[in-house]
């Protein structure tokens, strides 16, 4: 299970943990694989991408659960992932409307494993890009690979891991400047920059280096900023079971769409910066479809390639 891999075209960098999920009105909790980067890697695996995860987890029951889950999605571990410490956990409380809040027991550091020479995409975000020392390693990797691979980032801000919004913003903008593609939520921006318009923030971030910045807005869809300008894409009507993993499914759907349009890799960056409007819209629409499918069923359960092509049932 979780066989280490010497190479992969896509590498996701970040935390792998177990969500201990408790739903309002229920007595028992259920354990699920989690962690935003793990979810993105798993989503890409289900979409049939060659993907490896650079992370750390323990040689314990929770670690074995995560390794089996990754195997089931075709995701490999880069060498050095398993160590003697405990596997991280997050207690997720799901309210009556399906919204999740989290408490974490985290161990976060990265093995010193070099990235594959043939990597075309490196993605990171969430706790893996917030908590030192692992976050410092993730930022160094993004900076080192940028130019020969596409870099992407999702802040997925967890306020509990920051002393203040100002400190969080400084860290987030370091990663923004190292990324070619940025995806954030309107909730991220509301906490980081209270009162600021999300479009203004997206345009400002895009001017600092990324080719594409997308902000998700829940049931209102998403707003994106790139070469063609600013694009608003609505979300389809969905009977929401819960929102667990929806943002991560959006991210994996967006990265999948970039691959489908041959927009990954260092050589593709000039084309990514000069998107035509049709391609720009398809990228965001595909990402929204991926998130919507995930919201229509329980847990972080992203679509397969066939399900994404078919859309909502």
Protein backbone atom coordinates (compact mmCIF):
# COMPACT_ATOMS: atom_id res chain seq x y z
CA UNK A 1 0.00 0.00 0.00
CA UNK A 2 1.16 3.55 -0.71
CA UNK A 3 4.17 2.35 -2.69
CA UNK A 4 6.81 5.11 -2.88
CA UNK A 5 7.36 6.49 -6.39
CA UNK A 6 10.52 7.84 -7.96
CA UNK A 7 8.64 10.08 -10.38
CA UNK A 8 5.29 11.59 -11.30
CA UNK A 9 4.11 14.27 -13.69
CA UNK A 10 2.07 15.88 -10.91
CA UNK A 11 3.25 16.28 -7.31
CA UNK A 12 1.00 17.53 -4.53
CA UNK A 13 2.79 18.80 -1.42
CA UNK A 14 1.01 18.98 1.92
CA UNK A 15 -0.68 17.33 4.85
CA UNK A 16 -2.39 13.95 4.95
CA UNK A 17 -4.61 13.35 7.96
CA UNK A 18 -7.68 11.51 9.19
CA UNK A 19 -10.96 13.41 9.60
CA UNK A 20 -12.93 12.20 12.60
CA UNK A 21 -16.38 13.33 11.49
CA UNK A 22 -19.31 13.94 13.80
CA UNK A 23 -22.65 15.03 12.34
CA UNK A 24 -25.25 17.08 14.20
CA UNK A 25 -27.86 14.82 15.79
CA UNK A 26 -25.73 11.66 15.58
CA UNK A 27 -23.99 9.86 18.45
CA UNK A 28 -21.08 8.14 16.70
CA UNK A 29 -18.17 9.61 14.74
CA UNK A 30 -16.85 8.23 11.46
CA UNK A 31 -13.22 8.33 10.29
CA UNK A 32 -12.36 9.44 6.76
CA UNK A 33 -9.09 10.25 4.96
CA UNK A 34 -8.58 14.02 4.80
CA UNK A 35 -6.28 16.98 4.45
CA UNK A 36 -6.73 19.42 1.60
CA UNK A 37 -3.58 18.41 -0.34
CA UNK A 38 -4.40 14.71 0.07
CA UNK A 39 -7.91 15.41 -1.24
CA UNK A 40 -6.54 17.30 -4.25
CA UNK A 41 -4.11 14.47 -5.03
CA UNK A 42 -6.89 11.90 -4.67
CA UNK A 43 -9.16 13.98 -6.91
CA UNK A 44 -6.47 14.12 -9.58
CA UNK A 45 -5.90 10.38 -9.24
CA UNK A 46 -9.60 9.69 -9.80
CA UNK A 47 -9.37 11.89 -12.87
CA UNK A 48 -6.62 9.51 -14.12
CA UNK A 49 -3.60 11.77 -13.67
CA UNK A 50 -0.10 10.50 -12.88
CA UNK A 51 0.12 11.96 -9.38
CA UNK A 52 2.29 11.53 -6.29
CA UNK A 53 1.89 13.03 -2.82
CA UNK A 54 4.81 14.49 -0.87
CA UNK A 55 3.66 14.35 2.74
CA UNK A 56 4.27 12.68 6.09
CA UNK A 57 2.19 10.19 8.03
CA UNK A 58 2.73 7.68 10.81
CA UNK A 59 3.18 3.93 10.70
CA UNK A 60 -0.07 3.40 12.61
CA UNK A 61 -3.70 2.47 11.97
CA UNK A 62 -4.55 5.96 10.72
CA UNK A 63 -1.51 5.97 8.46
CA UNK A 64 -2.52 2.60 7.00
CA UNK A 65 -6.02 3.96 6.37
CA UNK A 66 -4.54 6.88 4.41
CA UNK A 67 -2.18 4.68 2.41
CA UNK A 68 -5.01 2.35 1.39
CA UNK A 69 -7.14 5.34 0.39
CA UNK A 70 -4.37 6.80 -1.76
CA UNK A 71 -3.81 3.44 -3.41
CA UNK A 72 -7.52 3.23 -4.26
CA UNK A 73 -7.24 6.53 -6.13
CA UNK A 74 -4.02 5.69 -7.93
CA UNK A 75 -1.96 8.18 -5.89
CA UNK A 76 1.62 7.24 -4.96
CA UNK A 77 3.68 8.44 -2.03
CA UNK A 78 7.07 9.97 -2.64
CA UNK A 79 9.82 8.29 -0.59
CA UNK A 80 10.24 9.22 3.07
CA UNK A 81 6.56 9.85 3.77
CA UNK A 82 6.14 7.34 6.60
CA UNK A 83 7.87 7.96 9.93
CA UNK A 84 7.55 6.87 13.55
CA UNK A 85 5.35 9.73 14.76
CA UNK A 86 1.55 9.67 14.94
CA UNK A 87 -0.63 10.38 11.93
CA UNK A 88 -2.33 13.77 12.12
CA UNK A 89 -6.07 14.02 12.77
CA UNK A 90 -8.82 16.61 12.43
CA UNK A 91 -12.14 16.45 14.26
CA UNK A 92 -14.84 17.69 11.88
CA UNK A 93 -18.18 18.86 13.27
CA UNK A 94 -20.89 18.90 10.57
CA UNK A 95 -23.82 21.20 11.36
CA UNK A 96 -27.44 20.76 10.27
CA UNK A 97 -26.74 22.64 7.02
CA UNK A 98 -23.80 20.39 6.09
CA UNK A 99 -21.05 22.90 6.89
CA UNK A 100 -17.87 21.61 8.54
CA UNK A 101 -15.69 23.12 11.29
CA UNK A 102 -12.41 21.51 12.40
CA UNK A 103 -10.09 20.96 15.38
CA UNK A 104 -6.62 19.59 14.60
CA UNK A 105 -3.98 17.35 16.17
CA UNK A 106 -1.17 17.95 13.72
CA UNK A 107 2.41 16.86 13.10
CA UNK A 108 3.70 18.69 10.02
CA UNK A 109 7.12 18.38 8.48
CA UNK A 110 8.30 17.23 5.05
CA UNK A 111 10.87 14.58 4.15
CA UNK A 112 13.83 15.92 2.19
CA UNK A 113 12.77 14.10 -0.95
CA UNK A 114 13.70 15.84 -4.22
CA UNK A 115 10.98 16.37 -6.79
CA UNK A 116 11.03 14.25 -9.95
CA UNK A 117 12.93 15.76 -12.87
CA UNK A 118 9.95 15.35 -15.20
CA UNK A 119 7.37 17.03 -12.94
CA UNK A 120 4.92 19.26 -14.85
CA UNK A 121 2.77 20.49 -11.94
CA UNK A 122 3.45 21.13 -8.25
CA UNK A 123 0.49 22.00 -6.05
CA UNK A 124 0.38 22.95 -2.38
CA UNK A 125 -1.87 24.71 0.10
CA UNK A 126 -3.88 24.70 3.30
CA UNK A 127 -2.11 23.65 6.52
CA UNK A 128 0.81 22.32 4.51
CA UNK A 129 1.53 25.87 3.39
CA UNK A 130 0.83 27.46 6.77
CA UNK A 131 2.55 25.53 9.57
CA UNK A 132 6.34 25.44 9.93
CA UNK A 133 8.60 23.67 9.35
CA UNK A 134 6.67 21.91 6.59
CA UNK A 135 5.33 25.15 5.11
CA UNK A 136 8.83 26.58 4.75
CA UNK A 137 9.87 23.48 2.81
CA UNK A 138 6.77 23.68 0.61
CA UNK A 139 7.47 27.32 -0.27
CA UNK A 140 11.09 26.54 -1.10
CA UNK A 141 9.95 23.72 -3.41
CA UNK A 142 7.48 25.97 -5.23
CA UNK A 143 10.11 28.64 -5.74
CA UNK A 144 12.71 26.13 -6.91
CA UNK A 145 10.50 24.44 -9.49
CA UNK A 146 8.75 27.50 -10.87
CA UNK A 147 9.62 28.07 -14.52
CA UNK A 148 10.14 24.38 -15.33
CA UNK A 149 6.76 23.28 -13.94
CA UNK A 150 3.39 24.92 -13.31
CA UNK A 151 2.90 25.84 -9.66
CA UNK A 152 -0.48 26.11 -7.96
CA UNK A 153 -1.68 27.13 -4.51
CA UNK A 154 -4.87 27.12 -2.44
CA UNK A 155 -4.58 28.97 0.89
CA UNK A 156 -7.66 27.20 2.36
CA UNK A 157 -7.02 29.28 5.46
CA UNK A 158 -7.35 27.69 8.89
CA UNK A 159 -7.37 30.65 11.34
CA UNK A 160 -6.39 28.44 14.29
CA UNK A 161 -2.89 28.11 12.82
CA UNK A 162 -2.17 31.86 12.64
CA UNK A 163 -1.57 34.50 15.29
CA UNK A 164 -3.56 37.09 13.32
CA UNK A 165 -5.01 37.77 9.86
CA UNK A 166 -2.06 40.08 9.16
CA UNK A 167 0.47 37.31 9.84
CA UNK A 168 -1.58 34.91 7.77
CA UNK A 169 -1.80 37.34 4.87
CA UNK A 170 1.97 37.78 4.80
CA UNK A 171 2.42 34.01 4.52
CA UNK A 172 -0.37 33.62 1.95
CA UNK A 173 1.07 36.31 -0.30
CA UNK A 174 4.50 34.64 -0.25
CA UNK A 175 2.86 31.60 -1.81
CA UNK A 176 0.73 33.69 -4.17
CA UNK A 177 3.91 35.22 -5.59
CA UNK A 178 5.40 31.73 -6.12
CA UNK A 179 2.33 30.33 -7.87
CA UNK A 180 1.13 30.36 -11.48
CA UNK A 181 -2.41 29.35 -10.48
CA UNK A 182 -4.15 30.45 -7.27
CA UNK A 183 -7.53 29.31 -6.01
CA UNK A 184 -9.05 30.83 -2.85
CA UNK A 185 -12.51 31.01 -1.32
CA UNK A 186 -14.49 34.13 -0.50
CA UNK A 187 -14.31 32.97 3.14
CA UNK A 188 -10.49 32.96 2.96
CA UNK A 189 -10.48 36.53 1.68
CA UNK A 190 -13.11 37.73 4.17
CA UNK A 191 -10.90 36.56 7.04
CA UNK A 192 -7.61 37.73 5.57
CA UNK A 193 -8.87 41.08 4.29
CA UNK A 194 -12.15 42.00 6.02
CA UNK A 195 -14.37 44.28 3.99
CA UNK A 196 -12.35 44.06 0.77
CA UNK A 197 -14.04 43.12 -2.50
CA UNK A 198 -12.99 39.64 -3.63
CA UNK A 199 -12.58 40.77 -7.24
CA UNK A 200 -10.24 43.55 -6.18
CA UNK A 201 -8.17 41.06 -4.18
CA UNK A 202 -8.10 38.58 -7.07
CA UNK A 203 -6.89 41.28 -9.47
CA UNK A 204 -4.24 42.45 -7.01
CA UNK A 205 -2.97 38.92 -6.44
CA UNK A 206 -2.93 38.22 -10.17
CA UNK A 207 -0.81 41.33 -10.71
CA UNK A 208 1.81 39.88 -8.32
CA UNK A 209 2.71 36.97 -10.56
CA UNK A 210 0.05 34.29 -11.06
CA UNK A 211 -1.37 33.77 -14.52
CA UNK A 212 -4.77 32.78 -13.10
CA UNK A 213 -6.55 33.58 -9.82
CA UNK A 214 -9.94 32.03 -9.05
CA UNK A 215 -12.15 32.81 -6.05
CA UNK A 216 -14.93 30.37 -5.18
CA UNK A 217 -18.20 31.79 -3.83
CA UNK A 218 -20.17 28.72 -2.77
CA UNK A 219 -23.62 28.56 -4.35
CA UNK A 220 -22.84 31.73 -6.31
CA UNK A 221 -20.15 30.02 -8.37
CA UNK A 222 -16.75 31.62 -8.89
CA UNK A 223 -14.99 34.73 -10.13
CA UNK A 224 -11.70 34.41 -11.98
CA UNK A 225 -9.03 36.83 -13.16
CA UNK A 226 -6.61 36.10 -16.00
CA UNK A 227 -5.36 37.47 -19.31
CA UNK A 228 -8.83 37.95 -20.84
CA UNK A 229 -9.98 39.91 -17.78
CA UNK A 230 -12.51 39.03 -15.09
CA UNK A 231 -14.97 36.16 -15.51
CA UNK A 232 -18.04 35.30 -13.44
CA UNK A 233 -19.30 31.71 -13.69
CA UNK A 234 -22.48 30.65 -11.85
CA UNK A 235 -22.88 27.36 -10.02
CA UNK A 236 -25.58 24.84 -10.91
CA UNK A 237 -28.40 24.15 -8.48
CA UNK A 238 -27.35 21.23 -6.25
CA UNK A 239 -29.05 19.32 -3.44
CA UNK A 240 -26.16 19.67 -0.98
CA UNK A 241 -25.38 16.68 1.24
CA UNK A 242 -22.34 18.42 2.73
CA UNK A 243 -19.49 20.68 1.63
CA UNK A 244 -16.63 18.47 2.86
CA UNK A 245 -13.92 18.42 0.19
CA UNK A 246 -15.80 20.71 -2.19
CA UNK A 247 -13.01 23.27 -2.44
CA UNK A 248 -10.45 20.53 -2.97
CA UNK A 249 -12.60 18.99 -5.72
CA UNK A 250 -12.78 22.44 -7.32
CA UNK A 251 -8.98 22.59 -7.23
CA UNK A 252 -8.46 19.13 -8.71
CA UNK A 253 -11.09 19.88 -11.36
CA UNK A 254 -9.33 23.12 -12.26
CA UNK A 255 -5.92 21.42 -12.53
CA UNK A 256 -7.48 18.63 -14.59
CA UNK A 257 -8.95 21.19 -16.98
CA UNK A 258 -5.56 22.87 -17.33
CA UNK A 259 -4.06 19.49 -18.28
CA UNK A 260 -6.87 18.83 -20.76
CA UNK A 261 -6.05 22.12 -22.48
CA UNK A 262 -2.29 21.33 -22.48
CA UNK A 263 -1.60 24.22 -20.12
CA UNK A 264 0.71 22.50 -17.62
CA UNK A 265 4.52 22.60 -17.56
CA UNK A 266 7.02 25.41 -17.81
CA UNK A 267 6.69 25.62 -21.58
CA UNK A 268 2.94 26.19 -21.31
CA UNK A 269 3.16 29.28 -19.10
CA UNK A 270 3.15 31.81 -21.97
CA UNK A 271 -0.08 30.22 -23.28
CA UNK A 272 -1.55 30.16 -19.77
CA UNK A 273 -0.94 33.91 -19.57
CA UNK A 274 -2.74 34.44 -22.90
CA UNK A 275 -5.90 32.41 -22.41
CA UNK A 276 -8.68 32.86 -24.91
CA UNK A 277 -12.10 33.50 -23.41
CA UNK A 278 -13.53 30.10 -24.33
CA UNK A 279 -10.69 28.22 -22.66
CA UNK A 280 -10.83 30.53 -19.64
CA UNK A 281 -14.54 29.79 -19.18
CA UNK A 282 -14.09 26.04 -19.64
CA UNK A 283 -11.40 25.91 -16.95
CA UNK A 284 -13.66 27.50 -14.35
CA UNK A 285 -16.81 25.68 -15.44
CA UNK A 286 -15.05 22.30 -15.15
CA UNK A 287 -13.82 23.17 -11.66
CA UNK A 288 -17.31 24.20 -10.53
CA UNK A 289 -18.78 20.98 -11.95
CA UNK A 290 -16.25 18.95 -9.98
CA UNK A 291 -17.10 20.76 -6.73
CA UNK A 292 -20.84 20.49 -7.36
CA UNK A 293 -20.69 16.72 -7.84
CA UNK A 294 -18.77 16.42 -4.57
CA UNK A 295 -21.37 18.52 -2.71
CA UNK A 296 -24.12 16.21 -3.96
CA UNK A 297 -22.78 13.29 -1.90
CA UNK A 298 -21.30 12.72 1.54
CA UNK A 299 -17.68 13.42 2.40
CA UNK A 300 -14.63 14.26 0.31
CA UNK A 301 -15.73 12.08 -2.61
CA UNK A 302 -14.53 13.78 -5.82
CA UNK A 303 -15.73 12.68 -9.26
CA UNK A 304 -14.11 10.14 -11.51
CA UNK A 305 -13.18 11.20 -15.03
CA UNK A 306 -16.41 9.67 -16.39
CA UNK A 307 -18.53 11.36 -13.73
CA UNK A 308 -16.96 14.74 -14.39
CA UNK A 309 -17.61 14.36 -18.13
CA UNK A 310 -21.23 13.41 -17.47
CA UNK A 311 -21.89 16.23 -15.00
CA UNK A 312 -24.52 16.26 -12.27
CA UNK A 313 -27.03 13.37 -12.36
